[in-house]
Amino acid sequence: MRPLIAVSSSLLTPDPRDSALSGAPATYLDAIAAAGGSPYILPLLSDSAAVLRAAEPCQGILLTGGG
């Protein structure tokens, strides 16, 4: 079974009047798949406990961003 790798998400909708969309760069997702993992994009939530619960079944995590 391929390991499930959590990937942090980012807000993709720059205009707050639009519906909020979140996601992760495809290059990260493709790299996880190429290395034998299954990427799982974590939901962008203000409730940190809910995010931790969503990440529980994952065997690893990739934190995107920086700068």
Protein backbone atom coordinates (compact mmCIF):
# COMPACT_ATOMS: atom_id res chain seq x y z
CA MET A 1 0.00 0.00 0.00
CA ARG A 2 1.30 3.46 -0.90
CA PRO A 3 1.96 5.80 2.05
CA LEU A 4 -0.54 8.61 2.43
CA ILE A 5 1.28 11.97 2.50
CA ALA A 6 -0.54 15.04 3.79
CA VAL A 7 0.13 18.27 1.87
CA SER A 8 -0.62 21.69 3.35
CA SER A 9 -2.94 23.81 1.24
CA SER A 10 -3.04 27.47 0.32
CA LEU A 11 -5.85 29.86 -0.47
CA LEU A 12 -6.20 30.07 -4.26
CA THR A 13 -8.95 32.69 -4.51
CA PRO A 14 -7.40 36.16 -4.24
CA ASP A 15 -10.74 38.01 -4.14
CA PRO A 16 -12.52 37.54 -0.76
CA ARG A 17 -15.88 38.15 -2.47
CA ASP A 18 -15.43 34.89 -4.40
CA SER A 19 -15.97 31.45 -2.95
CA ALA A 20 -12.85 30.30 -1.14
CA LEU A 21 -10.82 27.67 -2.97
CA SER A 22 -7.77 25.96 -1.58
CA GLY A 23 -5.24 23.62 -3.12
CA ALA A 24 -1.59 22.69 -3.50
CA PRO A 25 0.88 23.03 -6.38
CA ALA A 26 0.71 20.10 -8.80
CA THR A 27 4.51 19.81 -8.80
CA TYR A 28 4.42 18.74 -5.14
CA LEU A 29 1.58 16.29 -5.73
CA ASP A 30 3.31 14.80 -8.77
CA ALA A 31 6.59 14.44 -6.84
CA ILE A 32 4.86 12.55 -4.03
CA ALA A 33 3.20 10.22 -6.54
CA ALA A 34 6.48 9.70 -8.43
CA ALA A 35 8.17 8.74 -5.15
CA GLY A 36 5.50 6.10 -4.49
CA GLY A 37 3.19 8.03 -2.17
CA SER A 38 -0.42 9.12 -2.36
CA PRO A 39 -0.84 12.87 -1.84
CA TYR A 40 -3.69 14.07 0.38
CA ILE A 41 -4.37 17.82 0.43
CA LEU A 42 -5.25 18.97 3.93
CA PRO A 43 -8.29 21.23 4.25
CA LEU A 44 -7.66 24.91 4.89
CA LEU A 45 -9.51 25.33 8.19
CA SER A 46 -9.22 27.75 11.09
CA ASP A 47 -9.82 24.85 13.53
CA SER A 48 -6.32 23.40 14.01
CA ALA A 49 -7.71 20.36 15.84
CA ALA A 50 -9.81 19.50 12.78
CA VAL A 51 -6.73 19.72 10.56
CA LEU A 52 -4.82 17.42 12.94
CA ARG A 53 -7.68 14.91 12.83
CA ALA A 54 -7.65 15.05 9.02
CA ALA A 55 -3.89 14.32 9.01
CA GLU A 56 -4.12 11.38 11.45
CA PRO A 57 -4.18 8.58 8.84
CA CYS A 58 -1.18 10.05 7.00
CA GLN A 59 2.32 8.59 7.22
CA GLY A 60 4.07 11.86 6.33
CA ILE A 61 3.48 15.55 5.76
CA LEU A 62 4.75 18.09 3.23
CA LEU A 63 4.51 21.72 4.27
CA THR A 64 4.33 23.91 1.19
CA GLY A 65 5.19 27.57 0.96
CA GLY A 66 7.99 29.57 2.41
CA GLY A 67 9.64 32.62 1.15
